[in-house]
Amino acid sequence: MPTFNVQLFEGRTVEQKRKFVAEVTRVTCETLGCRL
């Protein structure tokens, strides 16, 4: 599984950040054939 370092400007909610991480993880695994 690859490692990502993401920096966001202020203003995003915790829920937005959690959803972002979940989607990046899902798409990465789907694209690269990784297991969740």
N, C-alpha and C. Protein backbone atom coordinates (compact mmCIF):
# COMPACT_ATOMS: atom_id res chain seq x y z
N MET A 1 0.85 -1.18 0.00
CA MET A 1 0.00 0.00 0.00
C MET A 1 0.89 1.24 0.00
N PRO A 2 0.65 2.16 -0.90
CA PRO A 2 1.44 3.39 -0.93
C PRO A 2 1.13 4.30 0.27
N THR A 3 2.00 5.23 0.49
CA THR A 3 1.81 6.21 1.55
C THR A 3 1.65 7.59 0.93
N PHE A 4 0.67 8.34 1.40
CA PHE A 4 0.41 9.69 0.90
C PHE A 4 0.60 10.69 2.03
N ASN A 5 1.10 11.86 1.69
CA ASN A 5 1.19 12.97 2.63
C ASN A 5 0.37 14.10 2.03
N VAL A 6 -0.75 14.41 2.66
CA VAL A 6 -1.67 15.42 2.15
C VAL A 6 -1.72 16.58 3.13
N GLN A 7 -1.59 17.78 2.60
CA GLN A 7 -1.71 18.98 3.41
C GLN A 7 -2.90 19.78 2.90
N LEU A 8 -3.79 20.13 3.81
CA LEU A 8 -4.99 20.88 3.46
C LEU A 8 -4.97 22.23 4.16
N PHE A 9 -5.52 23.22 3.49
CA PHE A 9 -5.72 24.51 4.15
C PHE A 9 -6.81 24.37 5.20
N GLU A 10 -6.82 25.26 6.16
CA GLU A 10 -7.85 25.25 7.20
C GLU A 10 -9.22 25.44 6.58
N GLY A 11 -10.22 25.02 7.32
CA GLY A 11 -11.59 25.26 6.88
C GLY A 11 -12.37 23.99 6.57
N ARG A 12 -11.69 22.85 6.51
CA ARG A 12 -12.39 21.60 6.26
C ARG A 12 -12.84 21.01 7.59
N THR A 13 -14.02 20.41 7.58
CA THR A 13 -14.52 19.78 8.80
C THR A 13 -13.85 18.42 8.98
N VAL A 14 -13.95 17.90 10.19
CA VAL A 14 -13.42 16.57 10.48
C VAL A 14 -14.12 15.54 9.58
N GLU A 15 -15.41 15.70 9.40
CA GLU A 15 -16.16 14.76 8.55
C GLU A 15 -15.66 14.80 7.11
N GLN A 16 -15.37 15.98 6.58
CA GLN A 16 -14.83 16.10 5.22
C GLN A 16 -13.47 15.41 5.12
N LYS A 17 -12.64 15.59 6.12
CA LYS A 17 -11.32 14.98 6.11
C LYS A 17 -11.42 13.46 6.17
N ARG A 18 -12.32 12.96 7.00
CA ARG A 18 -12.51 11.51 7.10
C ARG A 18 -13.01 10.92 5.80
N LYS A 19 -13.96 11.60 5.18
CA LYS A 19 -14.49 11.13 3.90
C LYS A 19 -13.40 11.14 2.83
N PHE A 20 -12.59 12.19 2.82
CA PHE A 20 -11.49 12.30 1.86
C PHE A 20 -10.53 11.12 2.01
N VAL A 21 -10.12 10.84 3.24
CA VAL A 21 -9.19 9.74 3.49
C VAL A 21 -9.81 8.41 3.06
N ALA A 22 -11.07 8.21 3.38
CA ALA A 22 -11.74 6.96 3.01
C ALA A 22 -11.78 6.79 1.49
N GLU A 23 -12.06 7.86 0.77
CA GLU A 23 -12.14 7.78 -0.69
C GLU A 23 -10.77 7.60 -1.33
N VAL A 24 -9.76 8.28 -0.82
CA VAL A 24 -8.41 8.09 -1.35
C VAL A 24 -7.99 6.63 -1.15
N THR A 25 -8.26 6.09 0.02
CA THR A 25 -7.92 4.70 0.31
C THR A 25 -8.67 3.76 -0.62
N ARG A 26 -9.96 3.97 -0.78
CA ARG A 26 -10.79 3.10 -1.62
C ARG A 26 -10.31 3.11 -3.07
N VAL A 27 -10.11 4.30 -3.62
CA VAL A 27 -9.70 4.41 -5.03
C VAL A 27 -8.29 3.86 -5.24
N THR A 28 -7.41 4.09 -4.29
CA THR A 28 -6.05 3.55 -4.40
C THR A 28 -6.08 2.03 -4.43
N CYS A 29 -6.82 1.44 -3.53
CA CYS A 29 -6.92 -0.02 -3.48
C CYS A 29 -7.58 -0.57 -4.74
N GLU A 30 -8.61 0.09 -5.20
CA GLU A 30 -9.31 -0.34 -6.42
C GLU A 30 -8.36 -0.27 -7.62
N THR A 31 -7.60 0.80 -7.72
CA THR A 31 -6.73 1.02 -8.87
C THR A 31 -5.50 0.10 -8.85
N LEU A 32 -4.91 -0.06 -7.68
CA LEU A 32 -3.66 -0.82 -7.57
C LEU A 32 -3.86 -2.28 -7.15
N GLY A 33 -5.09 -2.65 -6.85
CA GLY A 33 -5.36 -4.02 -6.47
C GLY A 33 -4.93 -4.35 -5.05
N CYS A 34 -4.91 -3.35 -4.18
CA CYS A 34 -4.56 -3.56 -2.77
C CYS A 34 -5.78 -4.04 -2.00
N ARG A 35 -5.53 -4.65 -0.86
CA ARG A 35 -6.62 -5.03 0.03
C ARG A 35 -6.83 -3.92 1.05
N LEU A 36 -8.08 -3.73 1.46
CA LEU A 36 -8.38 -2.73 2.50
C LEU A 36 -8.05 -3.25 3.86
